[in-house]
Structures are given as C-alpha cells and as structure tokens.
Amino acid sequence: MNLLAENAFDTVWVPAISVGANYSHSSAYTADLLGLDHDGTSVYLVATKLITQLPLPLLVSAGVVRSDEVVYGAVGHNDHGTAFFANLDLLPAPNVAVGVEFRQGVDAGDGIENSDYWDFHAAWFVTDKLTLVGAYANTGDKDKGNKDLGVGDGFVLSAQYQF
C-alpha cells in the first residue's frame, strides 16, 4: 500500500513510501527436520525514488522487513526478526533494468540466522504484464550447519506474468 506518492508536496526529492505484507507456505521436508513452521508472514516498509537527473535514470529502494523466514522461506519459518534491504537499478532503456540487490539476513531465533543475500540482475519488461529476469544470486554458504543458513549461489532465470 502506497502511503506517500513519489514527489509529493510538489517536490522532486520525496521518495514514495510504501508498506506491505505477505504470507508464504513452505512444503520443505527440512522444515519438519528442523522443527520449523511451514507457514509464515513478513511485513515491510520501503522508500523508493526514481532519480532522473543522471545520464541514465536510477531507481533506488531501501527499507526494513520483519520476517520469520528461514532461508527466505525456502526451508520454513520460525521467529520474526528485522533486517535491512536495498536495491539499485539503472534503466538504460524504458523496458530494461540492470542492478544490484542486498538483503540482510534475518535472525530467525533459536540460533537460526539467515545469511545476507545479494544479487546482480537484469530485467526485461517484455510487456506491461510479462517480465523476464536473469540474475547471479548469492544466498550464503549452505555448509555452515544451523548458523548463517543459505542455499549457496548460482544463476537464476525467472519469468513473471501478472494477471
């Protein structure tokens, strides 16, 4: 939900301020092995600003998330923790974004901590409804046992279609 529109009060410097929430379900077998919940929630507050005064438009987002996800929900859910996230995207064409994203690992309680997450990505907005993304992501070391959990790194391809 958008709380404050970008450039509110007839300015060029005010970011958009939004809040949101999501529910997720993990059917991961590891949730049962680790005694985690399958269902969880996250809430977030984010500020977003499109800077158009540079040679290329730059989209900047930063915020905080309160989440109970373990390995970003892939493994399950435990206690809620708070973390910072940020995203920078250059827009070399009206339908292309190239950028970097960072999300601090959430302390999920009971000695379970998510690793920090980062990625480099490129997105192509094929239509108003279809987006294709290629990324190299690092979710942290998957071999640290029950501390700083992650699922490693690698290339990701995704397609999103909005109905």
N, C-alpha and C. Protein backbone atom coordinates (compact mmCIF):
# COMPACT_ATOMS: atom_id res chain seq x y z
N MET A 1 0.86 -1.16 0.00
CA MET A 1 0.00 0.00 0.00
C MET A 1 0.91 1.23 0.00
N ASN A 2 0.64 2.14 -0.92
CA ASN A 2 1.43 3.35 -1.02
C ASN A 2 0.93 4.37 0.01
N LEU A 3 1.82 4.77 0.93
CA LEU A 3 1.46 5.74 1.96
C LEU A 3 1.74 7.18 1.51
N LEU A 4 2.77 7.35 0.70
CA LEU A 4 3.16 8.67 0.24
C LEU A 4 3.64 8.55 -1.20
N ALA A 5 3.08 9.34 -2.09
CA ALA A 5 3.45 9.28 -3.51
C ALA A 5 4.82 9.91 -3.73
N GLU A 6 5.53 9.37 -4.70
CA GLU A 6 6.81 9.96 -5.08
C GLU A 6 6.60 11.40 -5.53
N ASN A 7 7.51 12.27 -5.13
CA ASN A 7 7.47 13.71 -5.46
C ASN A 7 6.26 14.41 -4.85
N ALA A 8 5.77 13.88 -3.72
CA ALA A 8 4.64 14.51 -3.03
C ALA A 8 5.00 15.94 -2.63
N PHE A 9 4.01 16.74 -2.39
CA PHE A 9 4.17 18.13 -1.96
C PHE A 9 4.88 18.99 -3.01
N ASP A 10 4.69 18.64 -4.30
CA ASP A 10 5.29 19.38 -5.42
C ASP A 10 6.80 19.49 -5.30
N THR A 11 7.45 18.38 -4.93
CA THR A 11 8.91 18.34 -4.82
C THR A 11 9.45 17.36 -5.86
N VAL A 12 10.76 17.34 -6.02
CA VAL A 12 11.40 16.34 -6.88
C VAL A 12 12.25 15.37 -6.06
N TRP A 13 12.27 15.54 -4.73
CA TRP A 13 13.16 14.74 -3.90
C TRP A 13 12.45 13.78 -2.94
N VAL A 14 11.14 13.86 -2.79
CA VAL A 14 10.42 12.99 -1.85
C VAL A 14 10.25 11.60 -2.47
N PRO A 15 10.70 10.55 -1.77
CA PRO A 15 10.51 9.19 -2.28
C PRO A 15 9.08 8.71 -2.03
N ALA A 16 8.68 7.71 -2.77
CA ALA A 16 7.43 7.01 -2.47
C ALA A 16 7.68 6.17 -1.20
N ILE A 17 6.72 6.15 -0.31
CA ILE A 17 6.81 5.34 0.91
C ILE A 17 5.66 4.34 0.87
N SER A 18 6.00 3.07 1.01
CA SER A 18 5.00 2.01 0.94
C SER A 18 5.18 1.02 2.08
N VAL A 19 4.09 0.37 2.44
CA VAL A 19 4.11 -0.74 3.39
C VAL A 19 3.47 -1.94 2.71
N GLY A 20 3.86 -3.10 3.14
CA GLY A 20 3.28 -4.30 2.55
C GLY A 20 3.42 -5.48 3.49
N ALA A 21 2.75 -6.54 3.13
CA ALA A 21 2.79 -7.78 3.91
C ALA A 21 2.64 -8.95 2.95
N ASN A 22 3.18 -10.08 3.35
CA ASN A 22 2.94 -11.29 2.57
C ASN A 22 2.86 -12.49 3.48
N TYR A 23 2.21 -13.49 2.98
CA TYR A 23 2.09 -14.78 3.64
C TYR A 23 2.77 -15.79 2.73
N SER A 24 3.52 -16.71 3.31
CA SER A 24 4.12 -17.75 2.49
C SER A 24 4.00 -19.10 3.17
N HIS A 25 4.03 -20.13 2.36
CA HIS A 25 3.94 -21.50 2.83
C HIS A 25 5.11 -22.28 2.24
N SER A 26 5.80 -23.01 3.07
CA SER A 26 6.89 -23.87 2.63
C SER A 26 6.50 -25.31 2.86
N SER A 27 6.61 -26.10 1.82
CA SER A 27 6.34 -27.53 1.98
C SER A 27 7.64 -28.31 2.14
N ALA A 28 8.73 -27.61 2.43
CA ALA A 28 10.05 -28.23 2.52
C ALA A 28 10.09 -29.29 3.62
N TYR A 29 10.65 -30.42 3.27
CA TYR A 29 10.85 -31.52 4.20
C TYR A 29 11.76 -31.09 5.34
N THR A 30 12.71 -30.18 5.04
CA THR A 30 13.65 -29.72 6.06
C THR A 30 12.96 -28.95 7.18
N ALA A 31 11.80 -28.34 6.91
CA ALA A 31 11.07 -27.64 7.98
C ALA A 31 10.72 -28.62 9.09
N ASP A 32 10.27 -29.79 8.73
CA ASP A 32 9.94 -30.81 9.73
C ASP A 32 11.19 -31.30 10.46
N LEU A 33 12.28 -31.50 9.72
CA LEU A 33 13.52 -31.97 10.35
C LEU A 33 14.07 -30.97 11.35
N LEU A 34 13.92 -29.67 11.05
CA LEU A 34 14.45 -28.62 11.93
C LEU A 34 13.42 -28.12 12.95
N GLY A 35 12.21 -28.67 12.92
CA GLY A 35 11.17 -28.23 13.85
C GLY A 35 10.64 -26.84 13.54
N LEU A 36 10.60 -26.46 12.26
CA LEU A 36 10.14 -25.14 11.83
C LEU A 36 8.69 -25.18 11.39
N ASP A 37 8.06 -24.02 11.37
CA ASP A 37 6.70 -23.90 10.85
C ASP A 37 6.73 -23.90 9.32
N HIS A 38 5.65 -24.35 8.73
CA HIS A 38 5.52 -24.31 7.27
C HIS A 38 4.95 -22.98 6.80
N ASP A 39 4.21 -22.28 7.65
CA ASP A 39 3.54 -21.04 7.27
C ASP A 39 4.18 -19.86 7.99
N GLY A 40 4.23 -18.70 7.29
CA GLY A 40 4.82 -17.53 7.91
C GLY A 40 4.39 -16.23 7.25
N THR A 41 4.81 -15.14 7.86
CA THR A 41 4.44 -13.81 7.37
C THR A 41 5.65 -12.88 7.40
N SER A 42 5.57 -11.87 6.56
CA SER A 42 6.56 -10.79 6.54
C SER A 42 5.81 -9.48 6.35
N VAL A 43 6.34 -8.43 6.96
CA VAL A 43 5.82 -7.08 6.73
C VAL A 43 7.03 -6.20 6.41
N TYR A 44 6.81 -5.17 5.59
CA TYR A 44 7.93 -4.33 5.21
C TYR A 44 7.50 -2.88 5.04
N LEU A 45 8.48 -2.00 5.17
CA LEU A 45 8.35 -0.57 4.92
C LEU A 45 9.48 -0.22 3.95
N VAL A 46 9.15 0.44 2.84
CA VAL A 46 10.15 0.72 1.82
C VAL A 46 9.99 2.13 1.26
N ALA A 47 11.13 2.77 0.98
CA ALA A 47 11.16 4.07 0.31
C ALA A 47 11.77 3.84 -1.07
N THR A 48 11.14 4.40 -2.10
CA THR A 48 11.59 4.21 -3.48
C THR A 48 11.63 5.55 -4.19
N LYS A 49 12.71 5.78 -4.93
CA LYS A 49 12.86 7.04 -5.65
C LYS A 49 13.50 6.79 -7.00
N LEU A 50 12.91 7.34 -8.06
CA LEU A 50 13.49 7.31 -9.40
C LEU A 50 14.22 8.63 -9.61
N ILE A 51 15.54 8.54 -9.75
CA ILE A 51 16.37 9.73 -9.95
C ILE A 51 16.57 9.91 -11.44
N THR A 52 16.01 10.97 -12.00
CA THR A 52 16.06 11.20 -13.44
C THR A 52 17.08 12.26 -13.84
N GLN A 53 17.79 12.85 -12.89
CA GLN A 53 18.73 13.92 -13.19
C GLN A 53 20.12 13.40 -13.59
N LEU A 54 20.32 12.11 -13.65
CA LEU A 54 21.59 11.50 -14.05
C LEU A 54 21.55 11.16 -15.53
N PRO A 55 22.70 10.81 -16.14
CA PRO A 55 22.69 10.43 -17.57
C PRO A 55 21.73 9.28 -17.88
N LEU A 56 21.61 8.33 -16.93
CA LEU A 56 20.62 7.25 -17.04
C LEU A 56 19.75 7.29 -15.79
N PRO A 57 18.45 7.05 -15.93
CA PRO A 57 17.60 7.00 -14.74
C PRO A 57 18.08 5.93 -13.77
N LEU A 58 18.03 6.23 -12.48
CA LEU A 58 18.44 5.32 -11.43
C LEU A 58 17.29 5.13 -10.46
N LEU A 59 16.88 3.89 -10.26
CA LEU A 59 15.83 3.56 -9.30
C LEU A 59 16.49 3.08 -8.01
N VAL A 60 16.18 3.75 -6.90
CA VAL A 60 16.77 3.44 -5.60
C VAL A 60 15.64 3.04 -4.65
N SER A 61 15.81 1.90 -3.98
CA SER A 61 14.84 1.45 -2.98
C SER A 61 15.60 1.00 -1.74
N ALA A 62 15.05 1.30 -0.58
CA ALA A 62 15.64 0.83 0.68
C ALA A 62 14.53 0.71 1.71
N GLY A 63 14.70 -0.25 2.60
CA GLY A 63 13.67 -0.42 3.62
C GLY A 63 14.05 -1.42 4.68
N VAL A 64 13.06 -1.74 5.49
CA VAL A 64 13.21 -2.74 6.54
C VAL A 64 12.10 -3.79 6.38
N VAL A 65 12.44 -5.01 6.73
CA VAL A 65 11.48 -6.10 6.67
C VAL A 65 11.49 -6.81 8.02
N ARG A 66 10.32 -7.20 8.47
CA ARG A 66 10.16 -8.01 9.69
C ARG A 66 9.62 -9.35 9.20
N SER A 67 10.42 -10.39 9.33
CA SER A 67 10.09 -11.67 8.72
C SER A 67 10.45 -12.83 9.63
N ASP A 68 9.77 -13.94 9.42
CA ASP A 68 10.09 -15.18 10.15
C ASP A 68 10.66 -16.24 9.22
N GLU A 69 11.07 -15.83 8.02
CA GLU A 69 11.56 -16.78 7.03
C GLU A 69 12.92 -17.36 7.42
N VAL A 70 13.08 -18.63 7.15
CA VAL A 70 14.36 -19.31 7.28
C VAL A 70 14.81 -19.62 5.86
N VAL A 71 15.98 -19.10 5.49
CA VAL A 71 16.50 -19.14 4.13
C VAL A 71 15.42 -18.60 3.17
N TYR A 72 14.94 -17.41 3.51
CA TYR A 72 13.99 -16.67 2.69
C TYR A 72 12.73 -17.48 2.37
N GLY A 73 12.32 -18.32 3.33
CA GLY A 73 11.09 -19.09 3.23
C GLY A 73 11.27 -20.45 2.59
N ALA A 74 12.41 -20.70 1.98
CA ALA A 74 12.61 -21.98 1.27
C ALA A 74 12.68 -23.16 2.23
N VAL A 75 13.13 -22.93 3.46
CA VAL A 75 13.29 -24.01 4.42
C VAL A 75 12.13 -24.06 5.42
N GLY A 76 11.54 -22.92 5.70
CA GLY A 76 10.43 -22.87 6.64
C GLY A 76 10.39 -21.52 7.35
N HIS A 77 9.72 -21.49 8.50
CA HIS A 77 9.52 -20.23 9.24
C HIS A 77 9.72 -20.50 10.72
N ASN A 78 10.25 -19.48 11.44
CA ASN A 78 10.48 -19.61 12.87
C ASN A 78 10.05 -18.30 13.54
N ASP A 79 10.93 -17.64 14.28
CA ASP A 79 10.61 -16.39 14.96
C ASP A 79 10.87 -15.19 14.04
N HIS A 80 10.14 -14.10 14.28
CA HIS A 80 10.32 -12.88 13.49
C HIS A 80 11.59 -12.14 13.90
N GLY A 81 12.29 -11.63 12.89
CA GLY A 81 13.45 -10.77 13.08
C GLY A 81 13.36 -9.62 12.09
N THR A 82 14.13 -8.56 12.31
CA THR A 82 14.09 -7.38 11.45
C THR A 82 15.40 -7.25 10.69
N ALA A 83 15.32 -6.87 9.42
CA ALA A 83 16.51 -6.73 8.59
C ALA A 83 16.34 -5.58 7.61
N PHE A 84 17.46 -5.12 7.08
CA PHE A 84 17.54 -4.04 6.10
C PHE A 84 17.63 -4.62 4.69
N PHE A 85 17.08 -3.94 3.70
CA PHE A 85 17.27 -4.33 2.30
C PHE A 85 17.40 -3.09 1.43
N ALA A 86 18.06 -3.25 0.28
CA ALA A 86 18.25 -2.13 -0.64
C ALA A 86 18.40 -2.66 -2.06
N ASN A 87 18.06 -1.81 -3.02
CA ASN A 87 18.11 -2.17 -4.43
C ASN A 87 18.50 -0.93 -5.23
N LEU A 88 19.42 -1.09 -6.19
CA LEU A 88 19.78 -0.03 -7.13
C LEU A 88 19.63 -0.58 -8.53
N ASP A 89 18.92 0.15 -9.40
CA ASP A 89 18.73 -0.28 -10.78
C ASP A 89 18.94 0.88 -11.73
N LEU A 90 19.83 0.70 -12.70
CA LEU A 90 19.96 1.64 -13.81
C LEU A 90 18.96 1.24 -14.89
N LEU A 91 18.38 2.21 -15.57
CA LEU A 91 17.39 1.94 -16.62
C LEU A 91 17.95 2.44 -17.95
N PRO A 92 18.76 1.60 -18.66
CA PRO A 92 19.36 2.03 -19.91
C PRO A 92 18.37 2.18 -21.07
N ALA A 93 17.20 1.57 -20.92
CA ALA A 93 16.11 1.67 -21.90
C ALA A 93 14.81 1.66 -21.11
N PRO A 94 13.73 2.15 -21.71
CA PRO A 94 12.46 2.20 -20.97
C PRO A 94 11.97 0.83 -20.47
N ASN A 95 12.38 -0.26 -21.12
CA ASN A 95 11.90 -1.58 -20.72
C ASN A 95 13.02 -2.50 -20.21
N VAL A 96 14.14 -1.91 -19.76
CA VAL A 96 15.28 -2.71 -19.28
C VAL A 96 15.80 -2.10 -17.97
N ALA A 97 16.11 -2.98 -17.00
CA ALA A 97 16.72 -2.56 -15.73
C ALA A 97 17.91 -3.47 -15.45
N VAL A 98 19.00 -2.86 -14.99
CA VAL A 98 20.20 -3.61 -14.63
C VAL A 98 20.62 -3.13 -13.25
N GLY A 99 20.82 -4.06 -12.31
CA GLY A 99 21.12 -3.58 -10.97
C GLY A 99 21.67 -4.60 -10.02
N VAL A 100 21.65 -4.19 -8.76
CA VAL A 100 22.16 -4.99 -7.66
C VAL A 100 21.16 -4.90 -6.50
N GLU A 101 21.06 -5.98 -5.75
CA GLU A 101 20.15 -6.04 -4.61
C GLU A 101 20.89 -6.62 -3.41
N PHE A 102 20.55 -6.16 -2.22
CA PHE A 102 21.13 -6.69 -0.98
C PHE A 102 20.01 -6.83 0.05
N ARG A 103 20.03 -7.91 0.78
CA ARG A 103 19.11 -8.09 1.91
C ARG A 103 19.88 -8.71 3.06
N GLN A 104 19.83 -8.04 4.20
CA GLN A 104 20.49 -8.53 5.40
C GLN A 104 19.77 -9.79 5.87
N GLY A 105 20.53 -10.75 6.38
CA GLY A 105 19.92 -11.98 6.89
C GLY A 105 19.13 -11.73 8.15
N VAL A 106 17.93 -12.28 8.22
CA VAL A 106 17.06 -12.13 9.38
C VAL A 106 17.47 -13.14 10.44
N ASP A 107 17.58 -12.69 11.69
CA ASP A 107 17.79 -13.59 12.82
C ASP A 107 16.43 -14.22 13.12
N ALA A 108 16.30 -15.51 12.82
CA ALA A 108 15.02 -16.20 12.95
C ALA A 108 14.85 -16.88 14.30
N GLY A 109 15.68 -16.55 15.28
CA GLY A 109 15.53 -17.11 16.63
C GLY A 109 16.05 -18.53 16.76
N ASP A 110 16.17 -19.00 17.97
CA ASP A 110 16.64 -20.35 18.28
C ASP A 110 18.01 -20.64 17.67
N GLY A 111 18.86 -19.61 17.54
CA GLY A 111 20.19 -19.80 16.97
C GLY A 111 20.21 -19.89 15.46
N ILE A 112 19.07 -19.69 14.81
CA ILE A 112 18.98 -19.76 13.35
C ILE A 112 19.11 -18.35 12.78
N GLU A 113 20.10 -18.16 11.93
CA GLU A 113 20.31 -16.88 11.29
C GLU A 113 20.44 -17.08 9.80
N ASN A 114 19.70 -16.29 9.02
CA ASN A 114 19.84 -16.33 7.58
C ASN A 114 21.12 -15.59 7.18
N SER A 115 21.80 -16.08 6.17
CA SER A 115 22.93 -15.35 5.62
C SER A 115 22.44 -14.11 4.90
N ASP A 116 23.32 -13.14 4.73
CA ASP A 116 22.99 -12.00 3.88
C ASP A 116 22.82 -12.49 2.45
N TYR A 117 21.96 -11.82 1.73
CA TYR A 117 21.64 -12.18 0.35
C TYR A 117 22.02 -11.02 -0.55
N TRP A 118 22.59 -11.29 -1.71
CA TRP A 118 22.82 -10.25 -2.71
C TRP A 118 22.71 -10.85 -4.09
N ASP A 119 22.42 -10.00 -5.05
CA ASP A 119 22.39 -10.45 -6.44
C ASP A 119 22.71 -9.30 -7.39
N PHE A 120 23.18 -9.69 -8.57
CA PHE A 120 23.30 -8.80 -9.72
C PHE A 120 22.25 -9.28 -10.70
N HIS A 121 21.47 -8.38 -11.30
CA HIS A 121 20.37 -8.82 -12.14
C HIS A 121 20.14 -7.90 -13.33
N ALA A 122 19.46 -8.45 -14.32
CA ALA A 122 18.98 -7.69 -15.48
C ALA A 122 17.54 -8.11 -15.73
N ALA A 123 16.69 -7.13 -15.94
CA ALA A 123 15.26 -7.42 -16.18
C ALA A 123 14.83 -6.80 -17.50
N TRP A 124 14.01 -7.53 -18.21
CA TRP A 124 13.42 -7.06 -19.46
C TRP A 124 11.91 -7.06 -19.27
N PHE A 125 11.30 -5.88 -19.33
CA PHE A 125 9.85 -5.74 -19.20
C PHE A 125 9.27 -5.91 -20.59
N VAL A 126 9.00 -7.16 -20.97
CA VAL A 126 8.58 -7.50 -22.32
C VAL A 126 7.27 -6.79 -22.68
N THR A 127 6.32 -6.86 -21.77
CA THR A 127 5.04 -6.15 -21.90
C THR A 127 4.70 -5.59 -20.53
N ASP A 128 3.54 -4.94 -20.40
CA ASP A 128 3.09 -4.45 -19.10
C ASP A 128 2.86 -5.60 -18.12
N LYS A 129 2.66 -6.82 -18.63
CA LYS A 129 2.33 -7.94 -17.77
C LYS A 129 3.44 -8.99 -17.67
N LEU A 130 4.37 -9.02 -18.62
CA LEU A 130 5.41 -10.06 -18.65
C LEU A 130 6.79 -9.46 -18.41
N THR A 131 7.51 -10.02 -17.41
CA THR A 131 8.87 -9.61 -17.10
C THR A 131 9.77 -10.84 -17.07
N LEU A 132 10.93 -10.73 -17.72
CA LEU A 132 11.94 -11.78 -17.70
C LEU A 132 13.16 -11.26 -16.96
N VAL A 133 13.72 -12.09 -16.06
CA VAL A 133 14.86 -11.66 -15.23
C VAL A 133 15.95 -12.72 -15.28
N GLY A 134 17.18 -12.27 -15.42
CA GLY A 134 18.35 -13.12 -15.27
C GLY A 134 19.18 -12.54 -14.14
N ALA A 135 19.71 -13.40 -13.27
CA ALA A 135 20.47 -12.90 -12.12
C ALA A 135 21.54 -13.90 -11.72
N TYR A 136 22.57 -13.36 -11.07
CA TYR A 136 23.51 -14.18 -10.33
C TYR A 136 23.26 -13.84 -8.87
N ALA A 137 22.87 -14.82 -8.08
CA ALA A 137 22.49 -14.58 -6.69
C ALA A 137 23.38 -15.37 -5.75
N ASN A 138 23.62 -14.79 -4.58
CA ASN A 138 24.36 -15.46 -3.52
C ASN A 138 23.51 -15.37 -2.25
N THR A 139 23.04 -16.53 -1.78
CA THR A 139 22.19 -16.57 -0.58
C THR A 139 22.97 -17.01 0.65
N GLY A 140 24.27 -17.13 0.52
CA GLY A 140 25.08 -17.54 1.66
C GLY A 140 25.53 -18.97 1.56
N ASP A 141 26.47 -19.32 2.40
CA ASP A 141 27.07 -20.64 2.43
C ASP A 141 26.06 -21.67 2.93
N LYS A 142 25.86 -22.72 2.16
CA LYS A 142 24.91 -23.76 2.57
C LYS A 142 25.54 -24.82 3.47
N ASP A 143 26.83 -24.68 3.78
CA ASP A 143 27.52 -25.72 4.55
C ASP A 143 27.89 -25.27 5.96
N LYS A 144 27.16 -24.33 6.54
CA LYS A 144 27.51 -23.82 7.87
C LYS A 144 26.66 -24.44 8.98
N GLY A 145 25.97 -25.49 8.70
CA GLY A 145 25.14 -26.11 9.73
C GLY A 145 23.93 -25.25 10.05
N ASN A 146 23.69 -24.99 11.33
CA ASN A 146 22.48 -24.29 11.75
C ASN A 146 22.72 -22.79 12.00
N LYS A 147 23.85 -22.25 11.54
CA LYS A 147 24.17 -20.83 11.74
C LYS A 147 24.41 -20.20 10.37
N ASP A 148 23.90 -19.01 10.14
CA ASP A 148 24.04 -18.31 8.86
C ASP A 148 23.59 -19.19 7.69
N LEU A 149 22.35 -19.59 7.73
CA LEU A 149 21.81 -20.50 6.71
C LEU A 149 21.68 -19.84 5.35
N GLY A 150 21.99 -20.57 4.30
CA GLY A 150 21.82 -20.14 2.92
C GLY A 150 21.73 -21.37 2.04
N VAL A 151 21.51 -21.16 0.77
CA VAL A 151 21.45 -22.28 -0.17
C VAL A 151 22.48 -22.11 -1.28
N GLY A 152 23.55 -21.35 -0.99
CA GLY A 152 24.62 -21.21 -1.95
C GLY A 152 24.38 -20.10 -2.95
N ASP A 153 25.05 -20.23 -4.10
CA ASP A 153 24.95 -19.20 -5.13
C ASP A 153 24.75 -19.84 -6.48
N GLY A 154 24.39 -19.02 -7.44
CA GLY A 154 24.20 -19.53 -8.79
C GLY A 154 23.38 -18.59 -9.64
N PHE A 155 23.18 -19.00 -10.85
CA PHE A 155 22.41 -18.20 -11.80
C PHE A 155 20.92 -18.53 -11.68
N VAL A 156 20.10 -17.51 -11.87
CA VAL A 156 18.65 -17.65 -11.75
C VAL A 156 18.01 -17.03 -12.98
N LEU A 157 17.07 -17.71 -13.55
CA LEU A 157 16.24 -17.17 -14.63
C LEU A 157 14.81 -17.22 -14.14
N SER A 158 14.05 -16.14 -14.33
CA SER A 158 12.66 -16.18 -13.91
C SER A 158 11.79 -15.43 -14.91
N ALA A 159 10.55 -15.82 -14.93
CA ALA A 159 9.54 -15.16 -15.74
C ALA A 159 8.35 -14.89 -14.83
N GLN A 160 7.84 -13.67 -14.90
CA GLN A 160 6.67 -13.31 -14.10
C GLN A 160 5.61 -12.75 -15.02
N TYR A 161 4.42 -13.29 -14.89
CA TYR A 161 3.28 -12.79 -15.66
C TYR A 161 2.21 -12.35 -14.67
N GLN A 162 1.77 -11.10 -14.81
CA GLN A 162 0.75 -10.56 -13.93
C GLN A 162 -0.61 -10.64 -14.62
N PHE A 163 -1.58 -11.16 -13.91
CA PHE A 163 -2.92 -11.28 -14.49
C PHE A 163 -3.75 -10.06 -14.20
